[in-house]
C-alpha atoms as a PDB file:
ATOM      1  CA  UNK A   1      90.320  97.167  87.308  1.00  0.00           C
ATOM      2  CA  UNK A   2      89.832  94.293  84.889  1.00  0.00           C
ATOM      3  CA  UNK A   3      87.380  91.694  86.175  1.00  0.00           C
ATOM      4  CA  UNK A   4      89.828  88.815  85.680  1.00  0.00           C
ATOM      5  CA  UNK A   5      92.508  90.555  87.740  1.00  0.00           C
ATOM      6  CA  UNK A   6      89.976  91.365  90.429  1.00  0.00           C
ATOM      7  CA  UNK A   7      88.692  87.791  90.660  1.00  0.00           C
ATOM      8  CA  UNK A   8      92.240  86.392  90.791  1.00  0.00           C
ATOM      9  CA  UNK A   9      93.238  88.835  93.532  1.00  0.00           C
ATOM     10  CA  UNK A  10      90.187  88.049  95.670  1.00  0.00           C
ATOM     11  CA  UNK A  11      90.639  84.313  95.164  1.00  0.00           C
ATOM     12  CA  UNK A  12      94.280  84.610  96.220  1.00  0.00           C
ATOM     13  CA  UNK A  13      93.279  86.492  99.370  1.00  0.00           C
ATOM     14  CA  UNK A  14      90.634  83.884 100.183  1.00  0.00           C
ATOM     15  CA  UNK A  15      93.166  81.060  99.806  1.00  0.00           C
ATOM     16  CA  UNK A  16      95.613  82.900 102.063  1.00  0.00           C
ATOM     17  CA  UNK A  17      92.934  83.290 104.744  1.00  0.00           C
ATOM     18  CA  UNK A  18      92.045  79.613 104.364  1.00  0.00           C
ATOM     19  CA  UNK A  19      95.722  78.643 104.633  1.00  0.00           C
ATOM     20  CA  UNK A  20      96.088  80.605 107.866  1.00  0.00           C
ATOM     21  CA  UNK A  21      92.960  78.957 109.247  1.00  0.00           C
ATOM     22  CA  UNK A  22      94.203  75.458 108.423  1.00  0.00           C
ATOM     23  CA  UNK A  23      97.711  76.094 109.745  1.00  0.00           C
ATOM     24  CA  UNK A  24      96.285  77.211 113.080  1.00  0.00           C
ATOM     25  CA  UNK A  25      93.613  74.487 113.057  1.00  0.00           C
ATOM     26  CA  UNK A  26      96.201  71.689 112.894  1.00  0.00           C
ATOM     27  CA  UNK A  27      98.334  73.463 115.519  1.00  0.00           C
ATOM     28  CA  UNK A  28     101.368  74.161 113.346  1.00  0.00           C
ATOM     29  CA  UNK A  29     101.530  77.503 115.140  1.00  0.00           C
ATOM     30  CA  UNK A  30     100.627  78.444 118.696  1.00  0.00           C
ATOM     31  CA  UNK A  31      98.727  81.464 119.986  1.00  0.00           C
ATOM     32  CA  UNK A  32     102.054  82.924 121.098  1.00  0.00           C
ATOM     33  CA  UNK A  33     103.461  82.559 117.587  1.00  0.00           C
ATOM     34  CA  UNK A  34     100.426  84.277 116.098  1.00  0.00           C
ATOM     35  CA  UNK A  35     100.864  87.182 118.536  1.00  0.00           C
ATOM     36  CA  UNK A  36     104.576  87.432 117.751  1.00  0.00           C
ATOM     37  CA  UNK A  37     103.961  87.394 114.002  1.00  0.00           C
ATOM     38  CA  UNK A  38     101.326  90.105 114.454  1.00  0.00           C
ATOM     39  CA  UNK A  39     103.926  92.273 116.215  1.00  0.00           C
ATOM     40  CA  UNK A  40     106.434  91.672 113.420  1.00  0.00           C
ATOM     41  CA  UNK A  41     103.819  92.632 110.857  1.00  0.00           C
ATOM     42  CA  UNK A  42     102.806  95.842 112.633  1.00  0.00           C
ATOM     43  CA  UNK A  43     106.284  96.963 113.716  1.00  0.00           C
ATOM     44  CA  UNK A  44     108.511  95.856 110.812  1.00  0.00           C
ATOM     45  CA  UNK A  45     106.755  94.577 107.687  1.00  0.00           C
ATOM     46  CA  UNK A  46     103.939  97.131 107.369  1.00  0.00           C
ATOM     47  CA  UNK A  47     106.206 100.118 108.142  1.00  0.00           C
ATOM     48  CA  UNK A  48     108.617  98.871 105.452  1.00  0.00           C
ATOM     49  CA  UNK A  49     105.754  98.604 102.969  1.00  0.00           C
ATOM     50  CA  UNK A  50     104.548 102.093 103.876  1.00  0.00           C
ATOM     51  CA  UNK A  51     107.977 103.703 103.477  1.00  0.00           C
ATOM     52  CA  UNK A  52     108.514 101.904 100.172  1.00  0.00           C
ATOM     53  CA  UNK A  53     105.252 103.363  98.894  1.00  0.00           C
ATOM     54  CA  UNK A  54     106.774 106.827  99.314  1.00  0.00           C
ATOM     55  CA  UNK A  55     109.286 105.921  96.598  1.00  0.00           C
ATOM     56  CA  UNK A  56     106.964 103.850  94.429  1.00  0.00           C
ATOM     57  CA  UNK A  57     103.954 106.164  94.477  1.00  0.00           C
ATOM     58  CA  UNK A  58     105.634 109.062  92.708  1.00  0.00           C
ATOM     59  CA  UNK A  59     103.639 108.399  89.567  1.00  0.00           C
ATOM     60  CA  UNK A  60     100.529 109.518  91.478  1.00  0.00           C
ATOM     61  CA  UNK A  61      99.214 113.005  90.805  1.00  0.00           C
ATOM     62  CA  UNK A  62     100.505 115.399  93.482  1.00  0.00           C
ATOM     63  CA  UNK A  63      97.296 117.445  93.467  1.00  0.00           C
ATOM     64  CA  UNK A  64      95.242 114.287  94.024  1.00  0.00           C
ATOM     65  CA  UNK A  65      97.471 113.245  96.909  1.00  0.00           C
ATOM     66  CA  UNK A  66      97.073 116.669  98.514  1.00  0.00           C
ATOM     67  CA  UNK A  67      93.310 116.587  97.947  1.00  0.00           C
ATOM     68  CA  UNK A  68      93.100 113.160  99.575  1.00  0.00           C
ATOM     69  CA  UNK A  69      94.092 114.665 102.949  1.00  0.00           C
ATOM     70  CA  UNK A  70      90.984 116.854 102.862  1.00  0.00           C
ATOM     71  CA  UNK A  71      88.668 114.147 101.527  1.00  0.00           C
ATOM     72  CA  UNK A  72      89.735 111.502 104.049  1.00  0.00           C
ATOM     73  CA  UNK A  73      89.492 113.997 106.927  1.00  0.00           C
ATOM     74  CA  UNK A  74      85.943 114.820 105.826  1.00  0.00           C
ATOM     75  CA  UNK A  75      85.195 111.086 105.639  1.00  0.00           C
ATOM     76  CA  UNK A  76      86.202 110.640 109.288  1.00  0.00           C
ATOM     77  CA  UNK A  77      84.113 113.632 110.353  1.00  0.00           C
ATOM     78  CA  UNK A  78      81.142 112.263 108.404  1.00  0.00           C
ATOM     79  CA  UNK A  79      81.594 108.823 109.995  1.00  0.00           C
ATOM     80  CA  UNK A  80      81.506 110.384 113.477  1.00  0.00           C
ATOM     81  CA  UNK A  81      78.469 112.574 112.828  1.00  0.00           C
ATOM     82  CA  UNK A  82      76.430 109.955 110.970  1.00  0.00           C
ATOM     83  CA  UNK A  83      77.151 107.254 113.574  1.00  0.00           C
ATOM     84  CA  UNK A  84      76.227 109.639 116.401  1.00  0.00           C
ATOM     85  CA  UNK A  85      72.894 110.450 114.738  1.00  0.00           C
ATOM     86  CA  UNK A  86      72.108 106.751 114.155  1.00  0.00           C
ATOM     87  CA  UNK A  87      72.986 105.507 117.646  1.00  0.00           C
ATOM     88  CA  UNK A  88      71.737 108.496 119.644  1.00  0.00           C
ATOM     89  CA  UNK A  89      68.165 107.245 119.722  1.00  0.00           C
ATOM     90  CA  UNK A  90      68.994 103.535 119.764  1.00  0.00           C
ATOM     91  CA  UNK A  91      71.562 103.110 122.554  1.00  0.00           C
ATOM     92  CA  UNK A  92      70.699 104.837 125.837  1.00  0.00           C
ATOM     93  CA  UNK A  93      73.897 103.902 127.700  1.00  0.00           C
ATOM     94  CA  UNK A  94      76.490 106.560 126.853  1.00  0.00           C
ATOM     95  CA  UNK A  95      79.485 104.227 127.167  1.00  0.00           C
ATOM     96  CA  UNK A  96      78.048 101.611 124.811  1.00  0.00           C
ATOM     97  CA  UNK A  97      76.880 104.344 122.429  1.00  0.00           C
ATOM     98  CA  UNK A  98      80.346 105.895 122.257  1.00  0.00           C
ATOM     99  CA  UNK A  99      81.844 102.447 121.715  1.00  0.00           C
ATOM    100  CA  UNK A 100      79.441 101.766 118.837  1.00  0.00           C
ATOM    101  CA  UNK A 101      80.355 105.108 117.265  1.00  0.00           C
ATOM    102  CA  UNK A 102      84.076 104.377 117.497  1.00  0.00           C
ATOM    103  CA  UNK A 103      83.618 100.896 116.047  1.00  0.00           C
ATOM    104  CA  UNK A 104      81.868 102.426 113.042  1.00  0.00           C
ATOM    105  CA  UNK A 105      84.590 105.035 112.590  1.00  0.00           C
ATOM    106  CA  UNK A 106      87.777 103.088 113.252  1.00  0.00           C
ATOM    107  CA  UNK A 107      88.382 100.044 111.077  1.00  0.00           C
ATOM    108  CA  UNK A 108      91.351  97.685 110.903  1.00  0.00           C
ATOM    109  CA  UNK A 109      93.086  99.989 108.432  1.00  0.00           C
ATOM    110  CA  UNK A 110      96.646  98.914 109.188  1.00  0.00           C
ATOM    111  CA  UNK A 111      96.365  95.149 109.642  1.00  0.00           C
ATOM    112  CA  UNK A 112      93.892  94.487 106.824  1.00  0.00           C
ATOM    113  CA  UNK A 113      93.428  97.722 104.870  1.00  0.00           C
ATOM    114  CA  UNK A 114      97.034  98.478 103.898  1.00  0.00           C
ATOM    115  CA  UNK A 115      97.907  94.938 102.705  1.00  0.00           C
ATOM    116  CA  UNK A 116      94.603  94.676 100.838  1.00  0.00           C
ATOM    117  CA  UNK A 117      95.249  97.924  98.975  1.00  0.00           C
ATOM    118  CA  UNK A 118      98.779  96.774  98.153  1.00  0.00           C
ATOM    119  CA  UNK A 119      97.420  93.578  96.594  1.00  0.00           C
ATOM    120  CA  UNK A 120      94.537  95.144  94.651  1.00  0.00           C
ATOM    121  CA  UNK A 121      95.940  98.549  93.655  1.00  0.00           C
ATOM    122  CA  UNK A 122      99.706  98.339  94.086  1.00  0.00           C
ATOM    123  CA  UNK A 123     102.002 101.239  94.986  1.00  0.00           C
ATOM    124  CA  UNK A 124      99.843 103.860  93.262  1.00  0.00           C
ATOM    125  CA  UNK A 125      96.962 103.187  95.632  1.00  0.00           C
ATOM    126  CA  UNK A 126      99.194 102.736  98.676  1.00  0.00           C
ATOM    127  CA  UNK A 127      99.937 106.448  99.003  1.00  0.00           C
ATOM    128  CA  UNK A 128      96.215 107.105  99.608  1.00  0.00           C
ATOM    129  CA  UNK A 129      96.053 104.176 102.021  1.00  0.00           C
ATOM    130  CA  UNK A 130      99.037 105.573 103.920  1.00  0.00           C
ATOM    131  CA  UNK A 131      97.330 108.962 104.262  1.00  0.00           C
ATOM    132  CA  UNK A 132      94.118 107.228 105.393  1.00  0.00           C
ATOM    133  CA  UNK A 133      96.046 105.332 108.068  1.00  0.00           C
ATOM    134  CA  UNK A 134      97.923 108.427 109.208  1.00  0.00           C
ATOM    135  CA  UNK A 135      94.658 110.319 109.678  1.00  0.00           C
ATOM    136  CA  UNK A 136      93.260 107.233 111.442  1.00  0.00           C
ATOM    137  CA  UNK A 137      95.906 107.737 114.124  1.00  0.00           C
ATOM    138  CA  UNK A 138      95.253 111.482 114.277  1.00  0.00           C
ATOM    139  CA  UNK A 139      91.514 111.018 114.870  1.00  0.00           C
ATOM    140  CA  UNK A 140      91.882 107.969 117.134  1.00  0.00           C
ATOM    141  CA  UNK A 141      94.357 109.638 119.499  1.00  0.00           C
ATOM    142  CA  UNK A 142      92.322 112.862 119.658  1.00  0.00           C
ATOM    143  CA  UNK A 143      88.546 112.476 119.370  1.00  0.00           C
ATOM    144  CA  UNK A 144      88.323 108.672 119.444  1.00  0.00           C
ATOM    145  CA  UNK A 145      90.226 108.182 122.682  1.00  0.00           C
ATOM    146  CA  UNK A 146      88.022 110.745 124.411  1.00  0.00           C
ATOM    147  CA  UNK A 147      84.923 108.767 123.502  1.00  0.00           C
ATOM    148  CA  UNK A 148      86.529 105.703 125.101  1.00  0.00           C
ATOM    149  CA  UNK A 149      87.665 107.431 128.293  1.00  0.00           C
ATOM    150  CA  UNK A 150      86.724 110.232 130.584  1.00  0.00           C
ATOM    151  CA  UNK A 151      86.409 113.818 129.427  1.00  0.00           C
ATOM    152  CA  UNK A 152      89.654 114.740 131.175  1.00  0.00           C
ATOM    153  CA  UNK A 153      91.581 111.913 129.510  1.00  0.00           C
ATOM    154  CA  UNK A 154      94.834 113.437 128.248  1.00  0.00           C
ATOM    155  CA  UNK A 155      95.962 113.033 124.685  1.00  0.00           C
ATOM    156  CA  UNK A 156      98.601 110.304 124.586  1.00  0.00           C
ATOM    157  CA  UNK A 157     101.001 112.214 122.332  1.00  0.00           C
ATOM    158  CA  UNK A 158     103.825 109.747 122.945  1.00  0.00           C
ATOM    159  CA  UNK A 159     101.715 106.761 121.871  1.00  0.00           C
ATOM    160  CA  UNK A 160     100.644 108.634 118.746  1.00  0.00           C
ATOM    161  CA  UNK A 161     104.047 109.957 117.674  1.00  0.00           C
ATOM    162  CA  UNK A 162     106.067 106.836 118.490  1.00  0.00           C
ATOM    163  CA  UNK A 163     103.643 104.471 116.765  1.00  0.00           C
ATOM    164  CA  UNK A 164     105.718 102.723 114.039  1.00  0.00           C
ATOM    165  CA  UNK A 165     102.855 103.125 111.564  1.00  0.00           C
ATOM    166  CA  UNK A 166     102.607 106.857 112.285  1.00  0.00           C
ATOM    167  CA  UNK A 167     106.356 107.374 111.900  1.00  0.00           C
ATOM    168  CA  UNK A 168     106.546 105.361 108.696  1.00  0.00           C
ATOM    169  CA  UNK A 169     103.475 107.120 107.277  1.00  0.00           C
ATOM    170  CA  UNK A 170     105.009 110.552 107.870  1.00  0.00           C
ATOM    171  CA  UNK A 171     108.315 109.434 106.346  1.00  0.00           C
ATOM    172  CA  UNK A 172     106.521 107.949 103.342  1.00  0.00           C
ATOM    173  CA  UNK A 173     104.666 111.188 102.640  1.00  0.00           C
ATOM    174  CA  UNK A 174     107.895 113.205 103.005  1.00  0.00           C
ATOM    175  CA  UNK A 175     109.646 110.863 100.540  1.00  0.00           C
ATOM    176  CA  UNK A 176     106.756 111.209  98.120  1.00  0.00           C
ATOM    177  CA  UNK A 177     107.150 114.977  97.932  1.00  0.00           C
ATOM    178  CA  UNK A 178     110.970 114.976  97.845  1.00  0.00           C
ATOM    179  CA  UNK A 179     112.535 115.327  94.357  1.00  0.00           C
ATOM    180  CA  UNK A 180     114.039 111.831  94.332  1.00  0.00           C
ATOM    181  CA  UNK A 181     114.123 109.502  91.343  1.00  0.00           C
ATOM    182  CA  UNK A 182     114.135 106.381  93.479  1.00  0.00           C
ATOM    183  CA  UNK A 183     115.526 104.707  96.547  1.00  0.00           C
ATOM    184  CA  UNK A 184     117.850 102.195  94.848  1.00  0.00           C
ATOM    185  CA  UNK A 185     118.894  99.317  97.072  1.00  0.00           C
ATOM    186  CA  UNK A 186     117.024 100.766 100.059  1.00  0.00           C
ATOM    187  CA  UNK A 187     113.778 100.879  98.095  1.00  0.00           C
ATOM    188  CA  UNK A 188     114.280  97.321  96.821  1.00  0.00           C
ATOM    189  CA  UNK A 189     115.008  96.130 100.360  1.00  0.00           C
ATOM    190  CA  UNK A 190     111.924  97.811 101.824  1.00  0.00           C
ATOM    191  CA  UNK A 191     109.711  96.648  98.948  1.00  0.00           C
ATOM    192  CA  UNK A 192     110.885  93.056  99.418  1.00  0.00           C
ATOM    193  CA  UNK A 193     110.095  93.102 103.136  1.00  0.00           C
ATOM    194  CA  UNK A 194     106.861  95.010 102.601  1.00  0.00           C
ATOM    195  CA  UNK A 195     105.772  92.479  99.995  1.00  0.00           C
ATOM    196  CA  UNK A 196     105.189  90.014 102.816  1.00  0.00           C
ATOM    197  CA  UNK A 197     102.484  92.189 104.377  1.00  0.00           C
ATOM    198  CA  UNK A 198      99.626  90.945 102.186  1.00  0.00           C
ATOM    199  CA  UNK A 199     100.200  87.186 102.522  1.00  0.00           C
ATOM    200  CA  UNK A 200     101.100  87.321 106.222  1.00  0.00           C
ATOM    201  CA  UNK A 201      98.216  89.575 107.241  1.00  0.00           C
ATOM    202  CA  UNK A 202      95.626  87.448 105.437  1.00  0.00           C
ATOM    203  CA  UNK A 203      97.010  84.240 106.961  1.00  0.00           C
ATOM    204  CA  UNK A 204      96.897  85.823 110.413  1.00  0.00           C
ATOM    205  CA  UNK A 205      93.288  86.853 109.793  1.00  0.00           C
ATOM    206  CA  UNK A 206      92.539  83.206 108.995  1.00  0.00           C
ATOM    207  CA  UNK A 207      94.156  82.111 112.255  1.00  0.00           C
ATOM    208  CA  UNK A 208      91.925  84.524 114.196  1.00  0.00           C
ATOM    209  CA  UNK A 209      88.849  82.641 113.019  1.00  0.00           C
ATOM    210  CA  UNK A 210      89.837  79.593 115.074  1.00  0.00           C
ATOM    211  CA  UNK A 211      87.693  79.413 118.180  1.00  0.00           C
ATOM    212  CA  UNK A 212      85.135  81.954 116.986  1.00  0.00           C
ATOM    213  CA  UNK A 213      81.664  80.936 118.129  1.00  0.00           C
ATOM    214  CA  UNK A 214      79.777  81.804 114.939  1.00  0.00           C
ATOM    215  CA  UNK A 215      76.374  81.032 116.454  1.00  0.00           C
ATOM    216  CA  UNK A 216      76.996  83.482 119.281  1.00  0.00           C
ATOM    217  CA  UNK A 217      78.641  86.171 117.148  1.00  0.00           C
ATOM    218  CA  UNK A 218      75.885  86.098 114.529  1.00  0.00           C
ATOM    219  CA  UNK A 219      73.049  86.501 117.051  1.00  0.00           C
ATOM    220  CA  UNK A 220      73.816  90.011 118.327  1.00  0.00           C
ATOM    221  CA  UNK A 221      71.450  92.697 116.921  1.00  0.00           C
ATOM    222  CA  UNK A 222      73.664  95.628 117.955  1.00  0.00           C
ATOM    223  CA  UNK A 223      76.698  93.938 116.436  1.00  0.00           C
ATOM    224  CA  UNK A 224      74.768  93.552 113.190  1.00  0.00           C
ATOM    225  CA  UNK A 225      73.887  97.241 113.126  1.00  0.00           C
ATOM    226  CA  UNK A 226      77.514  98.277 113.666  1.00  0.00           C
ATOM    227  CA  UNK A 227      78.704  95.763 111.051  1.00  0.00           C
ATOM    228  CA  UNK A 228      76.107  97.016 108.574  1.00  0.00           C
ATOM    229  CA  UNK A 229      77.287 100.588 109.103  1.00  0.00           C
ATOM    230  CA  UNK A 230      80.966  99.709 109.047  1.00  0.00           C
ATOM    231  CA  UNK A 231      80.965  97.301 106.081  1.00  0.00           C
ATOM    232  CA  UNK A 232      78.255  98.642 103.745  1.00  0.00           C
ATOM    233  CA  UNK A 233      76.473 101.910 104.581  1.00  0.00           C
ATOM    234  CA  UNK A 234      79.553 104.080 105.209  1.00  0.00           C
ATOM    235  CA  UNK A 235      81.701 102.827 102.302  1.00  0.00           C
ATOM    236  CA  UNK A 236      78.776 102.961  99.862  1.00  0.00           C
ATOM    237  CA  UNK A 237      78.079 106.540 100.972  1.00  0.00           C
ATOM    238  CA  UNK A 238      81.728 107.444 100.381  1.00  0.00           C
ATOM    239  CA  UNK A 239      81.745 105.826  96.947  1.00  0.00           C
ATOM    240  CA  UNK A 240      78.505 107.536  95.922  1.00  0.00           C
ATOM    241  CA  UNK A 241      79.638 111.024  96.970  1.00  0.00           C
ATOM    242  CA  UNK A 242      83.140 110.732  95.487  1.00  0.00           C
ATOM    243  CA  UNK A 243      81.687 109.402  92.226  1.00  0.00           C
ATOM    244  CA  UNK A 244      79.373 112.420  92.024  1.00  0.00           C
ATOM    245  CA  UNK A 245      82.319 114.759  92.630  1.00  0.00           C
ATOM    246  CA  UNK A 246      84.256 113.175  89.782  1.00  0.00           C
ATOM    247  CA  UNK A 247      87.275 112.499  92.033  1.00  0.00           C
ATOM    248  CA  UNK A 248      90.266 110.564  90.675  1.00  0.00           C
ATOM    249  CA  UNK A 249      89.128 106.963  90.160  1.00  0.00           C
ATOM    250  CA  UNK A 250      92.059 105.324  91.959  1.00  0.00           C
ATOM    251  CA  UNK A 251      91.635 107.629  94.947  1.00  0.00           C
ATOM    252  CA  UNK A 252      87.893 106.901  95.053  1.00  0.00           C
ATOM    253  CA  UNK A 253      88.431 103.138  94.897  1.00  0.00           C
ATOM    254  CA  UNK A 254      91.177 103.144  97.536  1.00  0.00           C
ATOM    255  CA  UNK A 255      89.284 105.301 100.026  1.00  0.00           C
ATOM    256  CA  UNK A 256      86.103 103.276  99.491  1.00  0.00           C
ATOM    257  CA  UNK A 257      87.935  99.986 100.004  1.00  0.00           C
ATOM    258  CA  UNK A 258      89.544 101.012 103.288  1.00  0.00           C
ATOM    259  CA  UNK A 259      86.220 102.458 104.431  1.00  0.00           C
ATOM    260  CA  UNK A 260      84.790  98.936 104.012  1.00  0.00           C
ATOM    261  CA  UNK A 261      87.329  97.187 106.265  1.00  0.00           C
ATOM    262  CA  UNK A 262      86.014  95.414 109.422  1.00  0.00           C
ATOM    263  CA  UNK A 263      86.101  96.888 112.932  1.00  0.00           C
ATOM    264  CA  UNK A 264      89.618  97.575 114.235  1.00  0.00           C
ATOM    265  CA  UNK A 265      91.311  95.835 117.142  1.00  0.00           C
ATOM    266  CA  UNK A 266      92.110  99.115 118.925  1.00  0.00           C
ATOM    267  CA  UNK A 267      88.417  99.340 119.795  1.00  0.00           C
ATOM    268  CA  UNK A 268      88.794  96.191 121.893  1.00  0.00           C
ATOM    269  CA  UNK A 269      92.113  97.279 123.399  1.00  0.00           C
ATOM    270  CA  UNK A 270      90.877 100.732 124.455  1.00  0.00           C
ATOM    271  CA  UNK A 271      87.592  99.294 125.753  1.00  0.00           C
ATOM    272  CA  UNK A 272      89.588  97.095 128.122  1.00  0.00           C
ATOM    273  CA  UNK A 273      91.902  99.953 129.104  1.00  0.00           C
ATOM    274  CA  UNK A 274      89.112 102.388 129.961  1.00  0.00           C
ATOM    275  CA  UNK A 275      86.667  99.907 131.499  1.00  0.00           C
ATOM    276  CA  UNK A 276      84.236  99.800 128.585  1.00  0.00           C
ATOM    277  CA  UNK A 277      82.238  96.895 127.212  1.00  0.00           C
ATOM    278  CA  UNK A 278      85.211  95.027 125.757  1.00  0.00           C
ATOM    279  CA  UNK A 279      83.082  91.894 125.320  1.00  0.00           C
ATOM    280  CA  UNK A 280      80.747  93.752 122.959  1.00  0.00           C
ATOM    281  CA  UNK A 281      83.748  95.265 121.148  1.00  0.00           C
ATOM    282  CA  UNK A 282      85.359  91.864 120.647  1.00  0.00           C
ATOM    283  CA  UNK A 283      82.127  90.219 119.449  1.00  0.00           C
ATOM    284  CA  UNK A 284      81.456  93.040 116.986  1.00  0.00           C
ATOM    285  CA  UNK A 285      85.015  92.960 115.700  1.00  0.00           C
ATOM    286  CA  UNK A 286      84.825  89.211 115.060  1.00  0.00           C
ATOM    287  CA  UNK A 287      81.368  89.431 113.491  1.00  0.00           C
ATOM    288  CA  UNK A 288      82.462  92.184 111.111  1.00  0.00           C
ATOM    289  CA  UNK A 289      85.554  90.148 110.247  1.00  0.00           C
ATOM    290  CA  UNK A 290      83.433  87.119 109.329  1.00  0.00           C
ATOM    291  CA  UNK A 291      80.898  89.169 107.353  1.00  0.00           C
ATOM    292  CA  UNK A 292      83.639  91.085 105.513  1.00  0.00           C
ATOM    293  CA  UNK A 293      84.540  87.900 103.659  1.00  0.00           C
ATOM    294  CA  UNK A 294      81.305  88.527 101.739  1.00  0.00           C
ATOM    295  CA  UNK A 295      80.973  92.310 101.855  1.00  0.00           C
ATOM    296  CA  UNK A 296      84.475  93.310 100.717  1.00  0.00           C
ATOM    297  CA  UNK A 297      84.183  91.430  97.372  1.00  0.00           C
ATOM    298  CA  UNK A 298      80.767  93.062  96.879  1.00  0.00           C
ATOM    299  CA  UNK A 299      82.260  96.515  97.468  1.00  0.00           C
ATOM    300  CA  UNK A 300      85.212  95.804  95.171  1.00  0.00           C
ATOM    301  CA  UNK A 301      82.849  94.854  92.350  1.00  0.00           C
ATOM    302  CA  UNK A 302      81.854  98.539  92.212  1.00  0.00           C
ATOM    303  CA  UNK A 303      85.314  99.503  90.961  1.00  0.00           C
END
C-alpha cells in the first residue's frame, strides 16, 4: 500500500475515533444510544458489508481464498498453544490462566477488524477478513467456550449458527464461489449499508473511551502481558512466518492486521456468564483498546 494512502486512512480512522469520543463527551448520545447503535452495527450493517464482499471479492484468487482457511485455522491453533505455554508458568489460577489464553486468542474481529480491513484493503481484503471472522466463531464456540466454562459445558450450536455474523459469513463465501457476475441492485444496496461500518464502528470505539480510568488500566502487569501478546507478539509472528512462506501479499497483510486487533468483548461477556474474572477481562480489553491506537499503525507500517 502506498504510504500516502496508508497515512490518510489511519488519520481518517483517528479522526473518527476522536469524533465519537467528543460526541459522547458532550452528551449528544446516551449510553443506551451507544448500545443500540452497537446492536445495529453487529446485526445489520456488518452483515450487509460481509455479504457484499461475497460479490465484490471475486477478483481475489480462488486458490488463495481456499488456502486462507487452512492458514487462519493454523493461526488460531498457534495462538492457543503459544499462549498456553507462556501463561502456564506465570498464572497459577486455572480460571485466570484460561481467561488470559482466550483474551490472547480472541480479538475484536467483528467490531473493529472487519471495518478496519474494509477501510485499508477494500473488498479484496474483506473476503479474508470474513473467513477469519467465521473461524473466530468456530473456535470460540468450541474450544474457547470450554476454557471459559466447565468441562461438561455443552456446545451452544444455536448461538453459533444463528449469529448474524456467522450466517452472513457463510452466505458471503457461498456467493464468492458461485458463478455470478454481480449482485446488481442488491449488491449496491448491501454495499451502501455496509459502507457505514467503518465510520460507525470507529466512532463507537471513541465513545467507549469515555469513563476509562487510564491510570488504573495502565497499571496492571498481567493486562500488559496479554496486551503485548495480543497486539504485537502474535501478529508479528504471523507476519514473519507468512512472509517466509511467500504467501499472497494481500492475504498476509489482512491476516496480520486482524491478528493485531485488541481483545474482544466476548471475553468479558463469557467471563460474566461463567463466573470468571470479568473485572480482569474488562480492564484488559480496555487497556488493549487504548494501546492499539499506537500499535495498529506500527503493524500497518510493515505492509
